[in-house]
Structure formats: structure tokens, C-alpha cells
Amino acid sequence: MAQNLFFSIPRIPSLLLLAFFLLAGTACERSAEPVAHLPETEDPAYKQAQALLRSEATANDNIALEKFQQVIDARLGDAPESHLEAGRLCLKQNQPLDACYHFKQFLRFKRDSGPLAKQQTRQVEELIRSAEKMFLQKIPGRPIDLDGDRSGLAENYQSLRQENDLLKRQNVDLQKRLAAARAERQQNTTPANIAEAIPPIAMEAAKAPPPSPAVVSNIPTTYTVKKGDTLMKVSIQVYGTSARWLEIRNANRDLLPSDEAKLQIGMVLKVPR
């Protein structure tokens, strides 16, 4: 038993020494992580991010942004300086929406109220406007130029107004021309003009003598339109001549109210005798 006690005594300091090294190693590994109880600018992750920015290497921008985000997350968003730097990096990387978010969070959590703080607030507000302009420039088309002055907008308005007045005058002129064309078309569809448009063969056939009473008795009183029928074909079917197509049309004004009306398959026409 004494021998066992002798071998166990030296082991106690050894175990304590091992525990010390383990704890020290863990502390070293976490030294780079955000520490919420320290001032934000003293946070190891914040300092590492600033060191990366001072290197002026663009390749380090993403790593620095991650470090600033670590500080923000560890402090539940209450990290105005990290928000400001993250916003600048997002603006540099052409990410206007993310930049706007970080700049507005800076204004939310910033607690200083002295003259320098007010000046910094105005600078951040200008950065927000720059990010908003960048976002508008990404929209397809030609968004409003927010950098332009009011006189430029007034000139654009006056130009658009003049163009609108010109379009109105052109529209009135087109309406007049359309009305004149319609009137001319109606004149060209008078009975006299229709007669001029009838082929000479049909005009000669119209001069044919009326059919005899015996032939009239064989003429049907109605005719059902088939595919491919025209008034002249119907006249040939029922009268044996195309000369009486106009009589058929006049007898069916209820079905053919205008000269442009066309025969429809299945239409039942009245056949005058």
C-alpha cells in the first residue's frame, strides 16, 4: 500500500500540468473568435478584419467581410462599426441591397451624438443614397437619373408634353382620314357602282327573257346553301341561268342585309318566282 501511494503522488502535478496546457490551447484557438464583453473595436475578429483591409488586397475583402459578420452575429447585431465596414465592402462588391442593410443598422446602433457623429451620420446617409442609385441602375430600362437637377426633369416633362400633343394631333388627322375613307367606300358600294362591277357576261345574261309559265312551276320556293355556293351558282341551280342572282339577294335581305354579306352553309334562301 505504501508503494502504491509512493507512485501516485508524482502523478497529481502531472495531471494538473496537462489540464493547464489543454485549457491554454483552447484559449488560443478561441482568441480569434468575437468576444462580446470587449469593446467592439477591441474584438480580435474586428482587428483581424481591419488588418486584412489595410493589406489593400481585393482577395482579402471576402475574408474581412466574414470577420465583420462574426462580430455582428456574436453581438446580436449591436455592432455599428462592423456594420459600417461591412456596408462599405458590400458597396465595393456591387451588392447595394446588403450595403443598405448594413448602413441602416449602423445608424440604428450608433450611440454617439457629438458633432463628429453627426458628420459621420450624414456621410453614411450619402452612402445609403449611393447604394440605392446603384440598385436602380441594375433595373432594366432607363431609370430616373437621381443625380440630375430639377431643371433637367422639367425639360424632360416639357419634351414629353410636346410629344404627347403631337401624337394627339396625328390621331385626330388619322380619324378624319379614316372617316373620309369610309364615306368613299360607301359611295363605291351604291347600286350603280355594283352594276358597273358586274361582269359583262352576267349583264348580258340579265337581259335574257323571263322564263315561261311551265318553267316557273318547276322552280323551288327555297334553296339550302351548300359549300362553294354563290348567288350566281344558286341562280343557275334554280333558274338555269345566272342572270337572276340579284333577285335572290333582294328576296333575302333579312339574311343578306348588306352587299358585303356572304352566304353561309345551311342558310335557307327564299327563291322568288
Protein backbone atom coordinates (compact mmCIF):
# COMPACT_ATOMS: atom_id res chain seq x y z
CA MET A 1 0.00 0.00 0.00
CA ALA A 2 2.86 2.38 0.82
CA GLN A 3 4.40 1.51 -2.51
CA ASN A 4 1.18 2.42 -4.35
CA LEU A 5 0.99 5.75 -2.50
CA PHE A 6 4.57 6.49 -3.48
CA PHE A 7 3.85 6.04 -7.21
CA SER A 8 0.58 8.03 -7.11
CA ILE A 9 1.99 11.23 -5.52
CA PRO A 10 4.06 12.42 -8.52
CA ARG A 11 1.13 11.86 -10.86
CA ILE A 12 -1.02 14.64 -9.31
CA PRO A 13 1.16 17.57 -10.54
CA SER A 14 1.41 15.89 -13.94
CA LEU A 15 -2.37 15.78 -14.32
CA LEU A 16 -2.67 19.41 -13.27
CA LEU A 17 0.02 20.40 -15.80
CA LEU A 18 -1.78 18.51 -18.59
CA ALA A 19 -5.08 20.23 -17.75
CA PHE A 20 -3.33 23.61 -17.83
CA PHE A 21 -1.96 23.03 -21.34
CA LEU A 22 -5.33 21.84 -22.60
CA LEU A 23 -7.06 24.94 -21.29
CA ALA A 24 -4.35 27.18 -22.68
CA GLY A 25 -4.66 25.56 -26.09
CA THR A 26 -8.40 26.02 -26.10
CA ALA A 27 -7.98 29.67 -25.17
CA CYS A 28 -5.51 30.18 -28.01
CA GLU A 29 -7.87 28.61 -30.51
CA ARG A 30 -10.72 30.90 -29.43
CA SER A 31 -8.66 34.05 -29.25
CA ALA A 32 -9.61 34.85 -32.86
CA GLU A 33 -13.33 34.48 -32.20
CA PRO A 34 -15.52 37.52 -31.39
CA VAL A 35 -15.59 38.40 -27.69
CA ALA A 36 -18.90 40.03 -26.76
CA HIS A 37 -17.71 41.51 -23.44
CA LEU A 38 -14.92 43.52 -25.08
CA PRO A 39 -15.45 46.87 -26.87
CA GLU A 40 -16.30 46.19 -30.48
CA THR A 41 -13.13 47.75 -31.86
CA GLU A 42 -11.05 45.65 -29.45
CA ASP A 43 -12.65 42.41 -30.59
CA PRO A 44 -9.98 40.08 -32.10
CA ALA A 45 -12.14 39.32 -35.12
CA TYR A 46 -12.67 43.05 -35.75
CA LYS A 47 -8.93 43.69 -35.52
CA GLN A 48 -8.19 40.84 -37.92
CA ALA A 49 -10.71 42.26 -40.40
CA GLN A 50 -9.11 45.72 -40.19
CA ALA A 51 -5.68 44.17 -40.75
CA LEU A 52 -6.99 42.47 -43.89
CA LEU A 53 -8.37 45.78 -45.16
CA ARG A 54 -5.05 47.52 -44.57
CA SER A 55 -3.37 44.97 -46.80
CA GLU A 56 -5.35 46.52 -49.71
CA ALA A 57 -5.62 43.12 -51.37
CA THR A 58 -9.01 42.65 -53.02
CA ALA A 59 -8.78 38.92 -52.42
CA ASN A 60 -8.99 39.61 -48.67
CA ASP A 61 -12.27 41.52 -48.91
CA ASN A 62 -14.47 38.44 -48.57
CA ILE A 63 -12.49 37.18 -45.56
CA ALA A 64 -12.71 40.59 -43.91
CA LEU A 65 -16.45 40.68 -44.56
CA GLU A 66 -16.79 37.30 -42.86
CA LYS A 67 -14.87 38.58 -39.84
CA PHE A 68 -17.09 41.65 -39.53
CA GLN A 69 -20.14 39.38 -39.81
CA GLN A 70 -18.75 37.23 -36.97
CA VAL A 71 -18.60 40.29 -34.74
CA ILE A 72 -22.15 41.27 -35.72
CA ASP A 73 -23.51 37.79 -35.03
CA ALA A 74 -21.70 37.49 -31.68
CA ARG A 75 -23.18 40.81 -30.55
CA LEU A 76 -26.68 40.05 -31.90
CA GLY A 77 -26.41 42.85 -34.44
CA ASP A 78 -25.32 45.53 -31.99
CA ALA A 79 -22.01 46.21 -33.77
CA PRO A 80 -22.25 49.57 -35.55
CA GLU A 81 -18.59 49.79 -36.61
CA SER A 82 -18.70 46.29 -38.11
CA HIS A 83 -21.94 47.19 -39.92
CA LEU A 84 -20.29 50.29 -41.35
CA GLU A 85 -17.25 48.40 -42.64
CA ALA A 86 -19.42 45.55 -43.96
CA GLY A 87 -21.59 48.07 -45.79
CA ARG A 88 -18.57 49.64 -47.46
CA LEU A 89 -17.30 46.24 -48.55
CA CYS A 90 -20.74 45.30 -49.97
CA LEU A 91 -20.86 48.59 -51.87
CA LYS A 92 -17.38 47.88 -53.21
CA GLN A 93 -18.53 44.41 -54.32
CA ASN A 94 -21.60 45.84 -56.11
CA GLN A 95 -24.10 44.47 -53.58
CA PRO A 96 -26.31 47.55 -52.98
CA LEU A 97 -29.09 45.86 -51.01
CA ASP A 98 -26.70 44.31 -48.50
CA ALA A 99 -24.86 47.62 -48.27
CA CYS A 100 -28.09 49.49 -47.49
CA TYR A 101 -28.92 46.99 -44.76
CA HIS A 102 -25.55 47.38 -43.00
CA PHE A 103 -25.54 51.19 -43.29
CA LYS A 104 -29.02 51.42 -41.78
CA GLN A 105 -28.03 49.07 -38.99
CA PHE A 106 -25.07 51.34 -38.29
CA LEU A 107 -27.43 54.31 -37.91
CA ARG A 108 -29.67 52.20 -35.68
CA PHE A 109 -26.98 51.10 -33.22
CA LYS A 110 -24.66 54.12 -33.32
CA ARG A 111 -24.83 55.82 -29.92
CA ASP A 112 -22.53 58.85 -30.31
CA SER A 113 -24.26 62.22 -30.64
CA GLY A 114 -21.39 64.72 -30.91
CA PRO A 115 -20.52 66.90 -33.94
CA LEU A 116 -18.28 64.20 -35.39
CA ALA A 117 -21.06 61.63 -35.01
CA LYS A 118 -23.50 63.91 -36.85
CA GLN A 119 -20.99 64.36 -39.65
CA GLN A 120 -20.49 60.60 -39.84
CA THR A 121 -24.27 60.12 -39.93
CA ARG A 122 -24.51 62.45 -42.94
CA GLN A 123 -21.73 60.53 -44.66
CA VAL A 124 -23.49 57.21 -44.05
CA GLU A 125 -26.78 58.65 -45.32
CA GLU A 126 -24.94 59.65 -48.50
CA LEU A 127 -23.60 56.10 -48.77
CA ILE A 128 -27.17 54.79 -48.49
CA ARG A 129 -28.23 57.05 -51.37
CA SER A 130 -25.29 55.80 -53.42
CA ALA A 131 -26.33 52.19 -52.77
CA GLU A 132 -29.93 52.99 -53.76
CA LYS A 133 -28.74 54.58 -57.01
CA MET A 134 -26.60 51.52 -57.72
CA PHE A 135 -29.64 49.31 -57.23
CA LEU A 136 -31.78 51.46 -59.56
CA GLN A 137 -29.10 51.26 -62.25
CA LYS A 138 -29.45 47.46 -62.19
CA ILE A 139 -33.13 47.69 -63.12
CA PRO A 140 -33.72 47.03 -66.87
CA GLY A 141 -34.58 50.14 -68.87
CA ARG A 142 -33.57 53.70 -68.09
CA PRO A 143 -34.46 54.64 -64.51
CA ILE A 144 -34.64 58.24 -63.37
CA ASP A 145 -31.25 59.90 -63.02
CA LEU A 146 -31.19 60.71 -59.31
CA ASP A 147 -28.04 62.81 -59.80
CA GLY A 148 -29.80 65.16 -62.22
CA ASP A 149 -31.15 68.51 -61.11
CA ARG A 150 -34.76 69.69 -61.17
CA SER A 151 -34.27 71.72 -64.36
CA GLY A 152 -33.42 68.52 -66.24
CA LEU A 153 -36.62 66.90 -65.03
CA ALA A 154 -38.61 69.98 -66.09
CA GLU A 155 -37.07 69.83 -69.57
CA ASN A 156 -37.94 66.15 -69.87
CA TYR A 157 -41.51 66.86 -68.79
CA GLN A 158 -41.88 69.68 -71.33
CA SER A 159 -40.47 67.46 -74.09
CA LEU A 160 -42.87 64.64 -73.22
CA ARG A 161 -45.78 67.07 -73.16
CA GLN A 162 -44.93 68.39 -76.64
CA GLU A 163 -44.60 64.85 -77.95
CA ASN A 164 -47.98 63.98 -76.45
CA ASP A 165 -49.62 67.00 -78.13
CA LEU A 166 -48.12 65.96 -81.46
CA LEU A 167 -49.48 62.44 -81.07
CA LYS A 168 -52.93 63.87 -80.31
CA ARG A 169 -52.89 65.96 -83.50
CA GLN A 170 -51.76 62.97 -85.53
CA ASN A 171 -54.53 60.88 -84.02
CA VAL A 172 -57.18 63.50 -84.96
CA ASP A 173 -55.81 63.62 -88.51
CA LEU A 174 -55.94 59.82 -88.79
CA GLN A 175 -59.53 59.79 -87.54
CA LYS A 176 -60.52 62.31 -90.24
CA ARG A 177 -58.78 60.31 -92.95
CA LEU A 178 -60.45 57.12 -91.75
CA ALA A 179 -63.90 58.77 -91.81
CA ALA A 180 -63.24 60.03 -95.36
CA ALA A 181 -62.16 56.56 -96.48
CA ARG A 182 -65.32 55.03 -95.02
CA ALA A 183 -67.50 57.61 -96.80
CA GLU A 184 -65.73 56.92 -100.09
CA ARG A 185 -66.20 53.19 -99.60
CA GLN A 186 -69.92 53.65 -99.02
CA GLN A 187 -70.16 55.69 -102.22
CA ASN A 188 -68.39 52.95 -104.14
CA THR A 189 -70.93 50.36 -102.94
CA THR A 190 -74.03 52.12 -104.36
CA PRO A 191 -76.26 50.09 -106.73
CA ALA A 192 -74.85 51.95 -109.75
CA ASN A 193 -71.27 51.08 -108.86
CA ILE A 194 -72.25 47.48 -108.10
CA ALA A 195 -73.78 47.22 -111.54
CA GLU A 196 -70.54 48.53 -113.05
CA ALA A 197 -68.63 45.82 -111.17
CA ILE A 198 -70.81 43.00 -112.55
CA PRO A 199 -69.03 41.03 -115.30
CA PRO A 200 -70.28 41.69 -118.86
CA ILE A 201 -71.41 38.07 -119.19
CA ALA A 202 -73.67 38.46 -116.19
CA MET A 203 -75.04 41.74 -117.57
CA GLU A 204 -75.88 40.06 -120.86
CA ALA A 205 -77.50 37.19 -119.01
CA ALA A 206 -79.61 39.71 -117.09
CA LYS A 207 -81.14 40.81 -120.40
CA ALA A 208 -82.41 37.28 -121.05
CA PRO A 209 -86.22 36.97 -121.40
CA PRO A 210 -88.19 35.76 -118.37
CA PRO A 211 -88.89 32.02 -118.18
CA SER A 212 -92.16 30.60 -119.47
CA PRO A 213 -95.00 29.70 -117.02
CA ALA A 214 -94.27 26.00 -117.45
CA VAL A 215 -90.69 26.51 -116.33
CA VAL A 216 -91.79 28.71 -113.39
CA SER A 217 -93.84 25.90 -111.90
CA ASN A 218 -90.73 23.76 -111.59
CA ILE A 219 -88.77 26.41 -109.64
CA PRO A 220 -88.44 25.57 -105.91
CA THR A 221 -89.52 28.12 -103.31
CA THR A 222 -86.42 27.69 -101.15
CA TYR A 223 -82.80 26.67 -101.56
CA THR A 224 -80.36 25.41 -98.90
CA VAL A 225 -76.85 26.78 -99.37
CA LYS A 226 -74.09 24.22 -99.83
CA LYS A 227 -70.32 24.52 -99.65
CA GLY A 228 -68.91 26.62 -102.51
CA ASP A 229 -72.26 28.23 -103.43
CA THR A 230 -72.51 31.82 -104.65
CA LEU A 231 -75.62 33.78 -105.63
CA MET A 232 -74.84 33.19 -109.28
CA LYS A 233 -74.44 29.43 -108.74
CA VAL A 234 -77.70 29.36 -106.81
CA SER A 235 -79.38 31.25 -109.66
CA ILE A 236 -78.10 28.65 -112.11
CA GLN A 237 -79.33 25.81 -109.86
CA VAL A 238 -82.87 27.09 -109.50
CA TYR A 239 -83.40 29.11 -112.70
CA GLY A 240 -80.95 27.54 -115.13
CA THR A 241 -79.26 30.94 -115.58
CA SER A 242 -77.02 33.18 -113.51
CA ALA A 243 -78.89 36.31 -114.59
CA ARG A 244 -81.34 36.29 -111.65
CA TRP A 245 -78.82 36.29 -108.75
CA LEU A 246 -79.79 39.86 -107.86
CA GLU A 247 -83.44 38.81 -107.41
CA ILE A 248 -82.35 36.14 -104.97
CA ARG A 249 -80.32 38.62 -102.96
CA ASN A 250 -83.12 41.19 -102.84
CA ALA A 251 -85.55 38.49 -101.70
CA ASN A 252 -83.27 37.54 -98.83
CA ARG A 253 -82.35 40.93 -97.37
CA ASP A 254 -83.13 39.57 -93.92
CA LEU A 255 -80.29 37.07 -94.34
CA LEU A 256 -78.08 39.28 -96.53
CA PRO A 257 -78.57 42.80 -95.11
CA SER A 258 -75.51 44.32 -96.82
CA ASP A 259 -73.72 43.92 -100.10
CA GLU A 260 -70.71 42.51 -98.27
CA ALA A 261 -72.74 39.76 -96.55
CA LYS A 262 -71.72 36.24 -97.57
CA LEU A 263 -73.64 33.02 -97.94
CA GLN A 264 -73.30 30.58 -95.05
CA ILE A 265 -73.54 26.79 -95.38
CA GLY A 266 -77.01 25.64 -94.32
CA MET A 267 -78.63 29.02 -94.95
CA VAL A 268 -82.14 28.59 -96.38
CA LEU A 269 -82.79 31.16 -99.13
CA LYS A 270 -86.18 32.20 -100.42
CA VAL A 271 -86.44 31.74 -104.21
CA PRO A 272 -88.69 34.28 -105.95
CA ARG A 273 -90.71 33.19 -109.00
